[in-house]
C-alpha cells in the first residue's frame, strides 16, 4: 500500500512538473503562429506591397470597380470580353438550387467536365460559333482555346493576346476608333510570360477595358457593361 501511494505521489509530481512547460509551450506557439507571425506578415505586406496586400483593387473616378486578380463578365460589344466562366450562384427564385452565374467570386470553380464529355464538346463548339459571329470571323477560322474554354477557377482575369487581337476590330467599330489606336493600347497593357517562362503572353481584361474607357469614354462604367 505504501509503495502504491508513493508511486501515485511520484506520478502526480511528474505530471505537475510536465504540465507547466507543456502549457507554456502551447501558449507560446499559439502566440507566435496565431498572433505574431500573421501580424508581422500583414504589416510587411502592407509596407512593401500595399497594392497587392489590399486586394489589387482597381479604381475609376475614386470608386473601386474590381480587382486585377478577378475577372468580370463583360458582354457589350464595346468592351473586350474575357474567358467563359462556369461559376454558379443561388437561384433567386429557389435558393436551394444553383444557376449559372459567370465570374461569381464567391463560388470559384469549374465545370468538372472531362475532355471526352460530349456536353463539353458541344459547349466548346457553340462558344466557337458565337465567338466567330460576334467578331465577324469566317466560319472556318481558328479560335484561341481560351476564348471557348473556362479556367479552373472560373475567375481568370486574363485572355491571350491572340484572343484580344481577334476582338480588336469589333471593339474599334463599336467605339468608332482607329484599329491602330486600339492596337497600341493593347500593346501597352500586354504582359509577357511569368519569369519569362511560365504561361503565355496575355492581357488583363478589366485593366484593358478601364484604359479603353479612359481613351474613349462610354456612358456606362465597366461594371454596368458586365450586367
C-alpha atoms as a PDB file:
ATOM      1  CA  UNK A   1       0.000   0.000   0.000  1.00  0.00           C
ATOM      2  CA  UNK A   2       2.784   2.379   0.942  1.00  0.00           C
ATOM      3  CA  UNK A   3       4.645   1.610  -2.280  1.00  0.00           C
ATOM      4  CA  UNK A   4       1.479   2.233  -4.313  1.00  0.00           C
ATOM      5  CA  UNK A   5       0.884   5.590  -2.624  1.00  0.00           C
ATOM      6  CA  UNK A   6       4.486   6.585  -3.220  1.00  0.00           C
ATOM      7  CA  UNK A   7       4.155   5.682  -6.890  1.00  0.00           C
ATOM      8  CA  UNK A   8       0.960   7.716  -7.235  1.00  0.00           C
ATOM      9  CA  UNK A   9       2.593  10.650  -5.481  1.00  0.00           C
ATOM     10  CA  UNK A  10       5.608  10.483  -7.771  1.00  0.00           C
ATOM     11  CA  UNK A  11       3.317  10.343 -10.832  1.00  0.00           C
ATOM     12  CA  UNK A  12       1.383  13.393  -9.619  1.00  0.00           C
ATOM     13  CA  UNK A  13       4.598  15.316  -9.077  1.00  0.00           C
ATOM     14  CA  UNK A  14       5.857  14.354 -12.544  1.00  0.00           C
ATOM     15  CA  UNK A  15       2.516  15.337 -14.106  1.00  0.00           C
ATOM     16  CA  UNK A  16       2.546  18.722 -12.396  1.00  0.00           C
ATOM     17  CA  UNK A  17       6.154  19.187 -13.421  1.00  0.00           C
ATOM     18  CA  UNK A  18       5.356  18.441 -17.069  1.00  0.00           C
ATOM     19  CA  UNK A  19       2.044  20.299 -17.237  1.00  0.00           C
ATOM     20  CA  UNK A  20       3.539  23.744 -16.810  1.00  0.00           C
ATOM     21  CA  UNK A  21       6.142  23.527 -19.636  1.00  0.00           C
ATOM     22  CA  UNK A  22       3.611  21.838 -21.943  1.00  0.00           C
ATOM     23  CA  UNK A  23       1.042  24.591 -21.408  1.00  0.00           C
ATOM     24  CA  UNK A  24       3.714  27.270 -21.673  1.00  0.00           C
ATOM     25  CA  UNK A  25       4.964  25.808 -24.963  1.00  0.00           C
ATOM     26  CA  UNK A  26       1.416  25.578 -26.348  1.00  0.00           C
ATOM     27  CA  UNK A  27       0.644  29.179 -25.419  1.00  0.00           C
ATOM     28  CA  UNK A  28       3.958  30.360 -26.856  1.00  0.00           C
ATOM     29  CA  UNK A  29       3.319  28.566 -30.151  1.00  0.00           C
ATOM     30  CA  UNK A  30      -0.210  29.990 -30.247  1.00  0.00           C
ATOM     31  CA  UNK A  31       1.105  33.493 -29.686  1.00  0.00           C
ATOM     32  CA  UNK A  32       3.836  33.114 -32.297  1.00  0.00           C
ATOM     33  CA  UNK A  33       1.846  31.406 -35.063  1.00  0.00           C
ATOM     34  CA  UNK A  34      -1.581  32.848 -34.309  1.00  0.00           C
ATOM     35  CA  UNK A  35      -0.676  36.439 -33.494  1.00  0.00           C
ATOM     36  CA  UNK A  36       2.940  37.472 -34.042  1.00  0.00           C
ATOM     37  CA  UNK A  37       3.516  35.782 -37.421  1.00  0.00           C
ATOM     38  CA  UNK A  38       0.223  36.879 -39.081  1.00  0.00           C
ATOM     39  CA  UNK A  39       0.663  40.395 -37.707  1.00  0.00           C
ATOM     40  CA  UNK A  40       4.258  40.611 -38.945  1.00  0.00           C
ATOM     41  CA  UNK A  41       3.435  39.314 -42.436  1.00  0.00           C
ATOM     42  CA  UNK A  42       0.430  41.635 -42.697  1.00  0.00           C
ATOM     43  CA  UNK A  43       2.480  44.670 -41.680  1.00  0.00           C
ATOM     44  CA  UNK A  44       5.337  43.769 -44.024  1.00  0.00           C
ATOM     45  CA  UNK A  45       2.953  43.106 -46.915  1.00  0.00           C
ATOM     46  CA  UNK A  46       1.240  46.463 -46.453  1.00  0.00           C
ATOM     47  CA  UNK A  47       4.605  48.180 -46.168  1.00  0.00           C
ATOM     48  CA  UNK A  48       6.332  46.524 -49.131  1.00  0.00           C
ATOM     49  CA  UNK A  49       3.384  45.625 -51.393  1.00  0.00           C
ATOM     50  CA  UNK A  50       0.449  47.872 -50.407  1.00  0.00           C
ATOM     51  CA  UNK A  51      -1.449  47.456 -53.697  1.00  0.00           C
ATOM     52  CA  UNK A  52      -1.338  43.651 -53.616  1.00  0.00           C
ATOM     53  CA  UNK A  53      -1.942  43.463 -49.860  1.00  0.00           C
ATOM     54  CA  UNK A  54      -5.188  45.408 -50.243  1.00  0.00           C
ATOM     55  CA  UNK A  55      -6.528  43.003 -52.877  1.00  0.00           C
ATOM     56  CA  UNK A  56      -5.098  44.569 -56.056  1.00  0.00           C
ATOM     57  CA  UNK A  57      -8.188  46.773 -56.253  1.00  0.00           C
ATOM     58  CA  UNK A  58      -8.755  48.916 -59.331  1.00  0.00           C
ATOM     59  CA  UNK A  59     -10.480  52.278 -59.169  1.00  0.00           C
ATOM     60  CA  UNK A  60     -12.251  54.576 -61.562  1.00  0.00           C
ATOM     61  CA  UNK A  61     -13.063  58.133 -60.526  1.00  0.00           C
ATOM     62  CA  UNK A  62     -12.220  57.225 -56.940  1.00  0.00           C
ATOM     63  CA  UNK A  63     -14.580  54.238 -56.851  1.00  0.00           C
ATOM     64  CA  UNK A  64     -13.460  50.608 -56.667  1.00  0.00           C
ATOM     65  CA  UNK A  65     -14.652  48.777 -59.783  1.00  0.00           C
ATOM     66  CA  UNK A  66     -12.950  45.433 -59.254  1.00  0.00           C
ATOM     67  CA  UNK A  67      -9.703  43.595 -58.658  1.00  0.00           C
ATOM     68  CA  UNK A  68      -6.974  42.863 -61.160  1.00  0.00           C
ATOM     69  CA  UNK A  69      -6.995  39.301 -59.798  1.00  0.00           C
ATOM     70  CA  UNK A  70     -10.656  38.533 -60.542  1.00  0.00           C
ATOM     71  CA  UNK A  71     -12.271  38.639 -63.968  1.00  0.00           C
ATOM     72  CA  UNK A  72     -15.639  40.160 -64.807  1.00  0.00           C
ATOM     73  CA  UNK A  73     -18.333  39.164 -67.302  1.00  0.00           C
ATOM     74  CA  UNK A  74     -18.184  41.846 -69.994  1.00  0.00           C
ATOM     75  CA  UNK A  75     -20.909  41.310 -72.589  1.00  0.00           C
ATOM     76  CA  UNK A  76     -21.310  44.546 -74.536  1.00  0.00           C
ATOM     77  CA  UNK A  77     -19.560  44.757 -77.946  1.00  0.00           C
ATOM     78  CA  UNK A  78     -17.768  47.969 -76.914  1.00  0.00           C
ATOM     79  CA  UNK A  79     -15.595  46.009 -74.489  1.00  0.00           C
ATOM     80  CA  UNK A  80     -13.043  43.239 -74.731  1.00  0.00           C
ATOM     81  CA  UNK A  81     -14.575  40.079 -73.311  1.00  0.00           C
ATOM     82  CA  UNK A  82     -12.952  37.548 -71.003  1.00  0.00           C
ATOM     83  CA  UNK A  83     -12.975  33.778 -70.952  1.00  0.00           C
ATOM     84  CA  UNK A  84     -16.133  31.752 -70.421  1.00  0.00           C
ATOM     85  CA  UNK A  85     -16.871  31.136 -66.751  1.00  0.00           C
ATOM     86  CA  UNK A  86     -18.663  28.152 -65.227  1.00  0.00           C
ATOM     87  CA  UNK A  87     -19.154  29.505 -61.708  1.00  0.00           C
ATOM     88  CA  UNK A  88     -22.562  29.070 -60.104  1.00  0.00           C
ATOM     89  CA  UNK A  89     -24.776  31.070 -57.766  1.00  0.00           C
ATOM     90  CA  UNK A  90     -28.019  30.642 -55.864  1.00  0.00           C
ATOM     91  CA  UNK A  91     -31.236  30.747 -57.860  1.00  0.00           C
ATOM     92  CA  UNK A  92     -33.103  33.928 -56.784  1.00  0.00           C
ATOM     93  CA  UNK A  93     -36.385  32.056 -57.153  1.00  0.00           C
ATOM     94  CA  UNK A  94     -35.226  28.975 -55.263  1.00  0.00           C
ATOM     95  CA  UNK A  95     -32.112  29.428 -53.062  1.00  0.00           C
ATOM     96  CA  UNK A  96     -31.817  25.661 -52.674  1.00  0.00           C
ATOM     97  CA  UNK A  97     -30.844  25.426 -56.358  1.00  0.00           C
ATOM     98  CA  UNK A  98     -27.803  26.680 -58.232  1.00  0.00           C
ATOM     99  CA  UNK A  99     -27.829  28.507 -61.549  1.00  0.00           C
ATOM    100  CA  UNK A 100     -25.016  29.729 -63.824  1.00  0.00           C
ATOM    101  CA  UNK A 101     -23.524  32.968 -62.523  1.00  0.00           C
ATOM    102  CA  UNK A 102     -20.358  33.777 -64.501  1.00  0.00           C
ATOM    103  CA  UNK A 103     -17.435  35.238 -62.559  1.00  0.00           C
ATOM    104  CA  UNK A 104     -19.089  34.757 -59.179  1.00  0.00           C
ATOM    105  CA  UNK A 105     -16.116  35.421 -56.901  1.00  0.00           C
ATOM    106  CA  UNK A 106     -17.912  33.754 -54.001  1.00  0.00           C
ATOM    107  CA  UNK A 107     -18.116  30.382 -55.749  1.00  0.00           C
ATOM    108  CA  UNK A 108     -14.898  29.756 -57.650  1.00  0.00           C
ATOM    109  CA  UNK A 109     -14.962  26.523 -59.620  1.00  0.00           C
ATOM    110  CA  UNK A 110     -15.006  24.754 -62.969  1.00  0.00           C
ATOM    111  CA  UNK A 111     -17.493  22.575 -64.838  1.00  0.00           C
ATOM    112  CA  UNK A 112     -15.629  19.371 -63.882  1.00  0.00           C
ATOM    113  CA  UNK A 113     -16.335  18.021 -67.381  1.00  0.00           C
ATOM    114  CA  UNK A 114     -13.623  15.769 -68.810  1.00  0.00           C
ATOM    115  CA  UNK A 115     -12.091  16.010 -72.312  1.00  0.00           C
ATOM    116  CA  UNK A 116     -14.308  13.165 -73.546  1.00  0.00           C
ATOM    117  CA  UNK A 117     -17.524  14.748 -72.259  1.00  0.00           C
ATOM    118  CA  UNK A 118     -19.988  15.319 -75.094  1.00  0.00           C
ATOM    119  CA  UNK A 119     -21.524  18.171 -73.132  1.00  0.00           C
ATOM    120  CA  UNK A 120     -18.146  19.909 -73.003  1.00  0.00           C
ATOM    121  CA  UNK A 121     -17.511  19.321 -76.711  1.00  0.00           C
ATOM    122  CA  UNK A 122     -20.926  20.714 -77.604  1.00  0.00           C
ATOM    123  CA  UNK A 123     -20.367  23.760 -75.373  1.00  0.00           C
ATOM    124  CA  UNK A 124     -16.989  24.491 -76.952  1.00  0.00           C
ATOM    125  CA  UNK A 125     -18.441  24.179 -80.459  1.00  0.00           C
ATOM    126  CA  UNK A 126     -21.301  26.538 -79.600  1.00  0.00           C
ATOM    127  CA  UNK A 127     -18.949  29.057 -77.995  1.00  0.00           C
ATOM    128  CA  UNK A 128     -16.737  28.958 -81.089  1.00  0.00           C
ATOM    129  CA  UNK A 129     -19.719  29.691 -83.350  1.00  0.00           C
ATOM    130  CA  UNK A 130     -20.830  32.563 -81.124  1.00  0.00           C
ATOM    131  CA  UNK A 131     -17.282  33.956 -80.934  1.00  0.00           C
ATOM    132  CA  UNK A 132     -16.846  33.910 -84.716  1.00  0.00           C
ATOM    133  CA  UNK A 133     -20.210  35.543 -85.280  1.00  0.00           C
ATOM    134  CA  UNK A 134     -19.636  38.245 -82.649  1.00  0.00           C
ATOM    135  CA  UNK A 135     -16.215  39.158 -84.014  1.00  0.00           C
ATOM    136  CA  UNK A 136     -17.051  38.884 -87.715  1.00  0.00           C
ATOM    137  CA  UNK A 137     -14.790  35.899 -88.373  1.00  0.00           C
ATOM    138  CA  UNK A 138     -15.117  33.279 -91.087  1.00  0.00           C
ATOM    139  CA  UNK A 139     -16.950  30.083 -90.160  1.00  0.00           C
ATOM    140  CA  UNK A 140     -13.761  28.028 -90.509  1.00  0.00           C
ATOM    141  CA  UNK A 141     -11.372  30.462 -88.804  1.00  0.00           C
ATOM    142  CA  UNK A 142      -9.286  29.206 -85.908  1.00  0.00           C
ATOM    143  CA  UNK A 143     -10.355  30.355 -82.446  1.00  0.00           C
ATOM    144  CA  UNK A 144      -7.983  30.691 -79.446  1.00  0.00           C
ATOM    145  CA  UNK A 145      -8.616  27.973 -76.899  1.00  0.00           C
ATOM    146  CA  UNK A 146      -9.081  30.478 -74.064  1.00  0.00           C
ATOM    147  CA  UNK A 147     -11.988  32.048 -75.976  1.00  0.00           C
ATOM    148  CA  UNK A 148     -14.057  28.870 -75.752  1.00  0.00           C
ATOM    149  CA  UNK A 149     -12.916  27.177 -72.524  1.00  0.00           C
ATOM    150  CA  UNK A 150     -13.350  28.225 -68.906  1.00  0.00           C
ATOM    151  CA  UNK A 151     -10.448  28.353 -66.485  1.00  0.00           C
ATOM    152  CA  UNK A 152     -10.228  26.031 -63.488  1.00  0.00           C
ATOM    153  CA  UNK A 153     -11.215  28.864 -61.147  1.00  0.00           C
ATOM    154  CA  UNK A 154     -13.812  30.444 -63.416  1.00  0.00           C
ATOM    155  CA  UNK A 155     -12.317  33.807 -62.403  1.00  0.00           C
ATOM    156  CA  UNK A 156      -9.310  34.177 -64.724  1.00  0.00           C
ATOM    157  CA  UNK A 157      -8.820  37.931 -65.317  1.00  0.00           C
ATOM    158  CA  UNK A 158      -6.619  37.460 -68.400  1.00  0.00           C
ATOM    159  CA  UNK A 159      -7.049  36.474 -72.026  1.00  0.00           C
ATOM    160  CA  UNK A 160      -4.366  35.636 -74.556  1.00  0.00           C
ATOM    161  CA  UNK A 161      -3.098  38.327 -76.902  1.00  0.00           C
ATOM    162  CA  UNK A 162      -4.382  36.228 -79.806  1.00  0.00           C
ATOM    163  CA  UNK A 163      -7.867  36.340 -78.290  1.00  0.00           C
ATOM    164  CA  UNK A 164      -7.671  40.101 -77.728  1.00  0.00           C
ATOM    165  CA  UNK A 165      -6.440  40.764 -81.270  1.00  0.00           C
ATOM    166  CA  UNK A 166      -9.396  38.903 -82.770  1.00  0.00           C
ATOM    167  CA  UNK A 167     -11.753  41.104 -80.737  1.00  0.00           C
ATOM    168  CA  UNK A 168      -9.950  44.316 -81.653  1.00  0.00           C
ATOM    169  CA  UNK A 169     -11.815  45.070 -84.906  1.00  0.00           C
ATOM    170  CA  UNK A 170     -15.205  44.628 -83.215  1.00  0.00           C
ATOM    171  CA  UNK A 171     -14.300  46.939 -80.338  1.00  0.00           C
ATOM    172  CA  UNK A 172     -12.848  49.510 -82.741  1.00  0.00           C
ATOM    173  CA  UNK A 173     -16.060  49.557 -84.785  1.00  0.00           C
ATOM    174  CA  UNK A 174     -18.254  49.821 -81.693  1.00  0.00           C
ATOM    175  CA  UNK A 175     -16.103  52.640 -80.287  1.00  0.00           C
ATOM    176  CA  UNK A 176     -15.559  54.399 -83.627  1.00  0.00           C
ATOM    177  CA  UNK A 177     -11.818  54.266 -83.051  1.00  0.00           C
ATOM    178  CA  UNK A 178      -8.979  53.545 -85.496  1.00  0.00           C
ATOM    179  CA  UNK A 179      -7.829  49.907 -85.076  1.00  0.00           C
ATOM    180  CA  UNK A 180      -4.242  51.126 -84.866  1.00  0.00           C
ATOM    181  CA  UNK A 181      -5.071  53.155 -81.779  1.00  0.00           C
ATOM    182  CA  UNK A 182      -6.545  50.097 -80.087  1.00  0.00           C
ATOM    183  CA  UNK A 183      -3.564  48.010 -81.151  1.00  0.00           C
ATOM    184  CA  UNK A 184      -1.261  50.476 -79.399  1.00  0.00           C
ATOM    185  CA  UNK A 185      -3.454  50.349 -76.281  1.00  0.00           C
ATOM    186  CA  UNK A 186      -3.378  46.556 -76.312  1.00  0.00           C
ATOM    187  CA  UNK A 187       0.378  46.524 -76.698  1.00  0.00           C
ATOM    188  CA  UNK A 188       0.786  48.954 -73.805  1.00  0.00           C
ATOM    189  CA  UNK A 189      -1.205  46.681 -71.467  1.00  0.00           C
ATOM    190  CA  UNK A 190       0.121  43.315 -72.613  1.00  0.00           C
ATOM    191  CA  UNK A 191       2.006  41.115 -70.152  1.00  0.00           C
ATOM    192  CA  UNK A 192       4.765  38.659 -71.004  1.00  0.00           C
ATOM    193  CA  UNK A 193       5.319  35.178 -69.664  1.00  0.00           C
ATOM    194  CA  UNK A 194       5.796  34.968 -65.897  1.00  0.00           C
ATOM    195  CA  UNK A 195       9.548  34.933 -65.193  1.00  0.00           C
ATOM    196  CA  UNK A 196       9.931  34.786 -68.975  1.00  0.00           C
ATOM    197  CA  UNK A 197       8.970  31.094 -68.968  1.00  0.00           C
ATOM    198  CA  UNK A 198       5.549  30.364 -67.485  1.00  0.00           C
ATOM    199  CA  UNK A 199       2.241  30.809 -69.277  1.00  0.00           C
ATOM    200  CA  UNK A 200       1.586  32.780 -72.435  1.00  0.00           C
ATOM    201  CA  UNK A 201       1.632  36.496 -73.311  1.00  0.00           C
ATOM    202  CA  UNK A 202      -1.665  37.914 -72.077  1.00  0.00           C
ATOM    203  CA  UNK A 203      -3.657  40.982 -71.131  1.00  0.00           C
ATOM    204  CA  UNK A 204      -5.786  41.774 -68.089  1.00  0.00           C
ATOM    205  CA  UNK A 205      -9.304  42.359 -69.430  1.00  0.00           C
ATOM    206  CA  UNK A 206     -10.531  44.699 -66.689  1.00  0.00           C
ATOM    207  CA  UNK A 207      -7.410  46.853 -66.834  1.00  0.00           C
ATOM    208  CA  UNK A 208      -7.624  46.986 -70.629  1.00  0.00           C
ATOM    209  CA  UNK A 209     -11.291  47.988 -70.555  1.00  0.00           C
ATOM    210  CA  UNK A 210     -10.633  50.683 -67.960  1.00  0.00           C
ATOM    211  CA  UNK A 211      -7.903  52.092 -70.202  1.00  0.00           C
ATOM    212  CA  UNK A 212     -10.321  51.838 -73.119  1.00  0.00           C
ATOM    213  CA  UNK A 213     -12.916  53.883 -71.236  1.00  0.00           C
ATOM    214  CA  UNK A 214     -10.270  56.472 -70.416  1.00  0.00           C
ATOM    215  CA  UNK A 215      -9.344  56.686 -74.098  1.00  0.00           C
ATOM    216  CA  UNK A 216     -12.920  56.813 -75.415  1.00  0.00           C
ATOM    217  CA  UNK A 217     -15.407  57.268 -72.534  1.00  0.00           C
ATOM    218  CA  UNK A 218     -18.706  55.399 -72.621  1.00  0.00           C
ATOM    219  CA  UNK A 219     -21.929  56.472 -70.848  1.00  0.00           C
ATOM    220  CA  UNK A 220     -21.767  53.392 -68.598  1.00  0.00           C
ATOM    221  CA  UNK A 221     -18.920  52.062 -66.475  1.00  0.00           C
ATOM    222  CA  UNK A 222     -17.222  48.665 -66.975  1.00  0.00           C
ATOM    223  CA  UNK A 223     -19.352  47.289 -64.143  1.00  0.00           C
ATOM    224  CA  UNK A 224     -22.517  48.206 -65.994  1.00  0.00           C
ATOM    225  CA  UNK A 225     -21.058  46.565 -69.077  1.00  0.00           C
ATOM    226  CA  UNK A 226     -20.994  43.244 -67.260  1.00  0.00           C
ATOM    227  CA  UNK A 227     -24.681  43.294 -66.390  1.00  0.00           C
END
